[in-house]
Amino acid sequence: MARGLRGYDESDVRVRPGKGSRPRTKDRPSHDNAEHGLVITKDRGRWGVVLDNEQRKVVCMRARELGRTSIEVGDRVGVVGDTSGQKDTLARIVKREERSSELRRTADDTDPYERVVVANAELLLIVCAAADPPPRTGFVERALIAAFVGGITPIVCLTKTDLADPSEFVQELADLDVTVLRTGIEDDTQALEAEIHGRLSALIGHSGVGKSTLVNRLVPDANRETGEVSGVGKGRHTSTQSVALPLPEGDAAGWIVDTPGIRSFGLAHVSSDNVIEPFPELAAAAEKCPRGCTHAGPPADPECAWDEFPADSPLGRRVEGVRRLLAALRSNETY
């Protein structure tokens, strides 16, 4: 019978299922065959990953199933797909291992958005010039806070020590039991090389303090761009993307993450309690303080329990160091 005579019925209708009608499942592939590696670069939705054992670099995208999971330089990840590493190939990151540490910052102290600078770093190398530009203690103190809170051991690397005597600055850091190494071009880097061997380390610092110069000394084939300090005492940004560089002798010798020069170090995600926690003796004493104590000491807090420590004792000097950190946290003075 002709269609025009009998009319239409449901057999004549072809309905294409919409996205909302597709069956969904919470089951996800286990990706047991995923190859594992280290994220060494991140740029506009593409990640560079060096695979374990073969040391082959592959370019990856983030699998849809990971959603908006943060993938940063230093992360350990699982990769599937085309892992040949050949030109124009693209693999997928399908897993991110649990992080052992995070270096985080915000743009300023009012910004609620946290940025992970580097993941899984064991050491944070805070590069600071003794002069030209002069030491920016606010920045260094805030970087120390971020390292303590993130579970990372900080080391301050002093450059340009031939231009000024940094002894007073070094003593302030010694109160916090922070290692300080002289790493200017006139200094030997053997002590620093011994510290970073076999570990993942990150470098941060203001532009112009010699950070890229130090990287080029530690990784001779890194060829990181260096720049002069401007006439107003501020450096030009020479590193624009974070990148993990293998130390000489391959990955077994360790990795160093060079980060872009930054002008401020916001700590909107950090509280005073977070700053105190890494110092067990002071944290225990703080429990004896009256409610609302800021631990700033007299006259603001005349009953602060920290004042019981003699000023010339190791803990007394530690109190002064931590009070400087707390003051830096409250002031956001980074220059």
Protein backbone atom coordinates (compact mmCIF):
# COMPACT_ATOMS: atom_id res chain seq x y z
CA MET A 1 0.00 0.00 0.00
CA ALA A 2 1.36 3.41 -0.85
CA ARG A 3 2.51 5.45 2.13
CA GLY A 4 0.22 8.32 1.12
CA LEU A 5 -2.83 6.02 1.32
CA ARG A 6 -2.10 4.34 4.67
CA GLY A 7 -0.62 7.39 6.47
CA TYR A 8 2.38 7.48 8.83
CA ASP A 9 3.05 5.28 11.84
CA GLU A 10 5.92 4.93 14.27
CA SER A 11 7.88 2.72 11.91
CA ASP A 12 8.30 5.67 9.58
CA VAL A 13 9.89 7.90 12.21
CA ARG A 14 13.66 7.81 12.74
CA VAL A 15 14.68 9.45 16.01
CA ARG A 16 18.36 10.03 16.64
CA PRO A 17 19.09 9.62 20.35
CA GLY A 18 20.29 12.83 21.98
CA LYS A 19 23.23 13.11 24.33
CA GLY A 20 20.91 13.04 27.30
CA SER A 21 19.50 9.65 26.33
CA ARG A 22 22.79 7.82 26.17
CA PRO A 23 23.19 5.23 28.89
CA ARG A 24 25.56 6.37 31.59
CA THR A 25 27.63 4.38 34.00
CA LYS A 26 29.78 5.21 37.00
CA ASP A 27 32.23 2.50 35.99
CA ARG A 28 35.51 3.82 34.66
CA PRO A 29 38.29 1.90 32.92
CA SER A 30 41.08 0.95 35.30
CA HIS A 31 43.80 1.70 32.75
CA ASP A 32 46.01 -0.98 34.24
CA ASN A 33 48.15 -0.76 31.11
CA ALA A 34 48.89 2.95 31.61
CA GLU A 35 52.52 4.00 31.41
CA HIS A 36 53.70 6.23 34.24
CA GLY A 37 55.82 9.31 34.10
CA LEU A 38 56.63 12.82 35.32
CA VAL A 39 54.96 15.99 34.05
CA ILE A 40 57.75 18.35 32.98
CA THR A 41 55.86 21.05 31.03
CA LYS A 42 52.38 22.54 30.89
CA ASP A 43 51.14 24.90 28.19
CA ARG A 44 47.58 25.67 27.01
CA GLY A 45 45.95 22.33 27.58
CA ARG A 46 48.94 20.22 26.62
CA TRP A 47 51.35 18.53 29.01
CA GLY A 48 54.83 17.16 28.36
CA VAL A 49 55.45 13.89 30.21
CA VAL A 50 58.70 11.96 30.47
CA LEU A 51 57.88 8.27 30.78
CA ASP A 52 59.68 6.13 33.32
CA ASN A 53 62.47 3.76 32.29
CA GLU A 54 62.62 4.70 28.61
CA GLN A 55 62.91 8.43 29.31
CA ARG A 56 60.74 9.16 26.29
CA LYS A 57 58.88 12.47 26.19
CA VAL A 58 55.27 12.42 25.02
CA VAL A 59 52.75 15.21 24.54
CA CYS A 60 49.46 14.61 26.31
CA MET A 61 45.98 15.95 26.77
CA ARG A 62 43.91 15.44 29.90
CA ALA A 63 41.34 12.64 29.63
CA ARG A 64 37.73 13.78 29.87
CA GLU A 65 37.11 11.46 32.81
CA LEU A 66 39.55 13.51 34.92
CA GLY A 67 37.28 16.52 34.61
CA ARG A 68 39.04 19.63 35.87
CA THR A 69 41.60 17.71 37.94
CA SER A 70 44.67 19.88 38.27
CA ILE A 71 47.72 18.54 36.43
CA GLU A 72 50.89 20.51 37.20
CA VAL A 73 54.61 20.30 36.58
CA GLY A 74 55.99 17.76 39.04
CA ASP A 75 52.90 15.55 39.04
CA ARG A 76 53.23 11.80 38.63
CA VAL A 77 50.68 10.60 36.06
CA GLY A 78 49.46 7.56 34.12
CA VAL A 79 49.34 7.86 30.33
CA VAL A 80 47.59 5.81 27.62
CA GLY A 81 47.21 6.09 23.85
CA ASP A 82 50.00 6.89 21.43
CA THR A 83 53.06 7.03 23.68
CA SER A 84 55.57 6.75 20.85
CA GLY A 85 56.61 10.35 21.32
CA GLN A 86 56.72 10.88 17.57
CA LYS A 87 55.86 14.23 15.99
CA ASP A 88 52.16 15.19 16.00
CA THR A 89 51.14 12.30 18.27
CA LEU A 90 48.97 12.88 21.32
CA ALA A 91 48.50 10.64 24.35
CA ARG A 92 46.02 10.99 27.24
CA ILE A 93 46.67 11.51 30.93
CA VAL A 94 44.18 9.21 32.70
CA LYS A 95 45.56 9.12 36.25
CA ARG A 96 47.23 11.48 38.68
CA GLU A 97 49.01 10.01 41.66
CA GLU A 98 48.50 11.46 45.12
CA ARG A 99 50.80 14.41 45.74
CA SER A 100 53.41 14.40 48.48
CA SER A 101 53.59 18.21 48.55
CA GLU A 102 52.17 21.32 46.89
CA LEU A 103 53.65 24.78 46.53
CA ARG A 104 50.60 27.04 46.27
CA ARG A 105 50.06 30.77 46.03
CA THR A 106 47.36 33.28 45.17
CA ALA A 107 47.69 36.46 43.14
CA ASP A 108 47.17 38.48 46.33
CA ASP A 109 45.66 38.07 49.77
CA THR A 110 42.12 38.77 48.52
CA ASP A 111 42.18 36.30 45.65
CA PRO A 112 40.26 33.09 46.50
CA TYR A 113 41.79 31.19 43.58
CA GLU A 114 44.83 29.11 44.53
CA ARG A 115 47.48 28.34 41.97
CA VAL A 116 49.70 25.28 42.33
CA VAL A 117 53.17 26.42 41.33
CA VAL A 118 54.70 22.94 41.42
CA ALA A 119 53.68 19.51 42.73
CA ASN A 120 55.73 16.95 44.66
CA ALA A 121 58.77 19.17 45.20
CA GLU A 122 61.02 18.07 48.06
CA LEU A 123 63.02 21.29 48.13
CA LEU A 124 62.11 24.92 47.46
CA LEU A 125 65.11 26.97 46.41
CA ILE A 126 64.29 30.61 47.14
CA VAL A 127 66.72 32.72 45.11
CA CYS A 128 67.45 36.11 46.62
CA ALA A 129 70.05 38.74 45.72
CA ALA A 130 72.11 40.46 48.39
CA ALA A 131 71.95 43.63 46.25
CA ASP A 132 70.76 44.92 42.86
CA PRO A 133 67.92 44.37 43.65
CA PRO A 134 68.26 44.40 47.48
CA PRO A 135 66.79 41.48 49.50
CA ARG A 136 63.01 41.61 49.58
CA THR A 137 62.48 40.05 52.96
CA GLY A 138 58.69 40.13 52.69
CA PHE A 139 58.81 37.95 49.59
CA VAL A 140 61.32 35.55 51.13
CA GLU A 141 59.28 35.23 54.34
CA ARG A 142 56.10 34.56 52.40
CA ALA A 143 57.86 31.96 50.27
CA LEU A 144 59.06 30.30 53.48
CA ILE A 145 55.46 30.21 54.74
CA ALA A 146 54.29 28.58 51.52
CA ALA A 147 57.06 25.99 51.77
CA PHE A 148 56.33 25.14 55.43
CA VAL A 149 52.59 24.90 54.80
CA GLY A 150 53.09 22.86 51.62
CA GLY A 151 55.38 20.29 53.25
CA ILE A 152 58.50 21.40 51.36
CA THR A 153 61.97 22.02 52.79
CA PRO A 154 63.14 25.55 51.93
CA ILE A 155 66.70 26.56 51.07
CA VAL A 156 67.57 30.22 50.49
CA CYS A 157 70.10 30.72 47.70
CA LEU A 158 71.89 34.05 47.99
CA THR A 159 73.33 35.62 44.84
CA LYS A 160 75.40 38.77 44.26
CA THR A 161 76.98 38.50 47.72
CA ASP A 162 80.04 40.31 46.35
CA LEU A 163 77.95 43.51 46.20
CA ALA A 164 76.76 43.61 49.84
CA ASP A 165 77.21 41.84 53.16
CA PRO A 166 74.14 39.65 53.82
CA SER A 167 75.15 38.58 57.36
CA GLU A 168 72.22 40.24 59.14
CA PHE A 169 69.73 38.79 56.67
CA VAL A 170 71.32 35.33 57.03
CA GLN A 171 71.04 35.46 60.84
CA GLU A 172 67.31 36.18 60.65
CA LEU A 173 66.83 33.05 58.56
CA ALA A 174 69.02 31.01 60.90
CA ASP A 175 66.48 31.71 63.67
CA LEU A 176 64.02 29.63 61.63
CA ASP A 177 66.53 26.82 61.06
CA VAL A 178 66.53 27.56 57.33
CA THR A 179 69.60 26.61 55.29
CA VAL A 180 71.21 29.53 53.47
CA LEU A 181 73.73 28.93 50.69
CA ARG A 182 75.78 31.45 48.75
CA THR A 183 75.27 30.65 45.08
CA GLY A 184 76.44 33.72 43.16
CA ILE A 185 78.64 33.31 40.10
CA GLU A 186 81.68 33.87 42.32
CA ASP A 187 80.59 31.05 44.68
CA ASP A 188 80.95 27.28 44.47
CA THR A 189 77.67 25.38 44.00
CA GLN A 190 78.88 22.02 45.30
CA ALA A 191 76.91 22.30 48.56
CA LEU A 192 73.72 23.07 46.63
CA GLU A 193 74.36 20.28 44.14
CA ALA A 194 74.69 17.83 47.02
CA GLU A 195 71.33 18.98 48.43
CA ILE A 196 69.38 18.64 45.18
CA HIS A 197 70.95 15.38 43.94
CA GLY A 198 68.27 12.72 43.40
CA ARG A 199 65.42 15.04 44.38
CA LEU A 200 62.76 17.18 42.74
CA SER A 201 63.50 20.83 43.54
CA ALA A 202 61.75 24.04 42.54
CA LEU A 203 63.28 27.49 42.14
CA ILE A 204 61.39 30.70 42.74
CA GLY A 205 62.47 34.30 42.92
CA HIS A 206 61.87 37.82 41.71
CA SER A 207 63.06 38.61 38.20
CA GLY A 208 66.60 39.91 38.11
CA VAL A 209 67.96 38.07 41.15
CA GLY A 210 69.96 35.58 39.07
CA LYS A 211 67.56 32.64 39.10
CA SER A 212 68.02 31.69 35.44
CA THR A 213 71.78 32.16 35.76
CA LEU A 214 71.79 29.70 38.66
CA VAL A 215 69.73 27.20 36.65
CA ASN A 216 72.21 27.40 33.77
CA ARG A 217 75.04 26.64 36.20
CA LEU A 218 73.25 23.62 37.64
CA VAL A 219 72.00 22.37 34.25
CA PRO A 220 74.63 23.50 31.72
CA ASP A 221 72.51 22.64 28.65
CA ALA A 222 69.35 24.30 29.98
CA ASN A 223 70.01 27.56 28.07
CA ARG A 224 67.53 29.51 30.20
CA GLU A 225 67.25 33.14 29.12
CA THR A 226 68.83 35.69 31.44
CA GLY A 227 68.24 39.43 31.64
CA GLU A 228 69.58 42.62 33.17
CA VAL A 229 68.02 44.46 36.10
CA SER A 230 66.10 47.55 35.02
CA GLY A 231 67.03 51.07 36.06
CA VAL A 232 64.37 51.07 38.78
CA GLY A 233 65.78 47.99 40.49
CA LYS A 234 63.27 45.52 39.08
CA GLY A 235 64.22 42.63 36.85
CA ARG A 236 62.69 41.70 33.52
CA HIS A 237 60.74 38.43 33.39
CA THR A 238 62.93 35.96 31.51
CA SER A 239 61.23 32.62 32.29
CA THR A 240 57.61 32.51 31.09
CA GLN A 241 56.64 28.88 31.74
CA SER A 242 57.53 26.40 34.48
CA VAL A 243 59.66 23.55 33.19
CA ALA A 244 61.31 20.58 34.91
CA LEU A 245 64.91 20.10 33.81
CA PRO A 246 66.90 16.91 34.44
CA LEU A 247 70.09 17.41 36.39
CA PRO A 248 73.26 16.08 34.76
CA GLU A 249 73.48 12.27 34.64
CA GLY A 250 69.76 11.83 33.94
CA ASP A 251 66.62 11.66 36.06
CA ALA A 252 68.34 9.52 38.73
CA ALA A 253 70.35 12.64 39.57
CA GLY A 254 67.15 14.61 40.15
CA TRP A 255 65.04 17.31 38.55
CA ILE A 256 64.93 21.06 39.00
CA VAL A 257 61.79 23.07 38.17
CA ASP A 258 62.48 26.58 36.91
CA THR A 259 59.43 28.79 37.49
CA PRO A 260 58.56 32.18 35.97
CA GLY A 261 59.78 35.22 37.90
CA ILE A 262 56.96 36.41 40.15
CA ARG A 263 56.28 39.84 41.63
CA SER A 264 54.08 38.89 44.60
CA PHE A 265 53.26 35.86 46.70
CA GLY A 266 49.64 35.88 47.86
CA LEU A 267 48.71 33.62 50.77
CA ALA A 268 44.94 33.90 50.91
CA HIS A 269 44.74 30.16 51.58
CA VAL A 270 47.00 30.31 54.68
CA SER A 271 45.98 31.03 58.28
CA SER A 272 48.13 31.94 61.27
CA ASP A 273 47.67 28.40 62.62
CA ASN A 274 49.08 27.01 59.37
CA VAL A 275 52.25 29.05 59.90
CA ILE A 276 52.72 27.82 63.47
CA GLU A 277 52.03 24.12 62.84
CA PRO A 278 55.48 23.32 61.37
CA PHE A 279 57.08 24.41 64.69
CA PRO A 280 55.85 21.82 67.27
CA GLU A 281 57.29 23.52 70.36
CA LEU A 282 55.66 26.85 69.52
CA ALA A 283 52.39 25.19 68.51
CA ALA A 284 52.24 23.42 71.89
CA ALA A 285 52.98 26.64 73.78
CA ALA A 286 50.34 28.51 71.77
CA GLU A 287 47.65 26.30 73.30
CA LYS A 288 48.29 28.10 76.61
CA CYS A 289 47.65 31.53 75.07
CA PRO A 290 44.37 33.35 75.74
CA ARG A 291 41.68 33.13 73.10
CA GLY A 292 42.27 35.50 70.22
CA CYS A 293 46.01 35.80 70.80
CA THR A 294 47.80 36.81 67.61
CA HIS A 295 51.21 35.87 69.07
CA ALA A 296 52.53 39.29 68.11
CA GLY A 297 53.85 39.82 71.64
CA PRO A 298 53.57 42.93 73.81
CA PRO A 299 51.89 45.36 73.71
CA ALA A 300 49.38 43.72 71.33
CA ASP A 301 49.39 40.38 73.18
CA PRO A 302 50.80 40.90 76.70
CA GLU A 303 49.85 37.37 77.83
CA CYS A 304 51.28 35.45 74.89
CA ALA A 305 52.78 32.18 76.15
CA TRP A 306 55.69 32.53 73.74
CA ASP A 307 57.10 35.32 75.91
CA GLU A 308 58.04 32.69 78.49
CA PHE A 309 60.97 31.61 76.30
CA PRO A 310 64.15 33.60 77.10
CA ALA A 311 64.91 35.98 74.25
CA ASP A 312 68.52 34.78 73.93
CA SER A 313 67.61 31.04 73.86
CA PRO A 314 67.21 29.02 70.64
CA LEU A 315 63.41 28.90 71.12
CA GLY A 316 63.33 32.59 71.95
CA ARG A 317 65.06 33.38 68.67
CA ARG A 318 62.71 30.96 66.92
CA VAL A 319 59.77 32.92 68.38
CA GLU A 320 61.11 36.13 66.84
CA GLY A 321 61.53 34.40 63.49
CA VAL A 322 57.99 33.03 63.47
CA ARG A 323 56.61 36.39 64.59
CA ARG A 324 58.26 37.91 61.51
CA LEU A 325 56.52 35.29 59.38
CA LEU A 326 53.18 36.09 60.99
CA ALA A 327 53.76 39.80 60.40
CA ALA A 328 54.57 39.08 56.75
CA LEU A 329 51.38 37.05 56.45
CA ARG A 330 49.31 39.94 57.76
CA SER A 331 51.03 42.70 55.81
CA ASN A 332 51.31 41.25 52.27
CA GLU A 333 54.49 43.28 51.93
CA THR A 334 56.27 41.39 49.16
CA TYR A 335 58.55 44.03 47.65
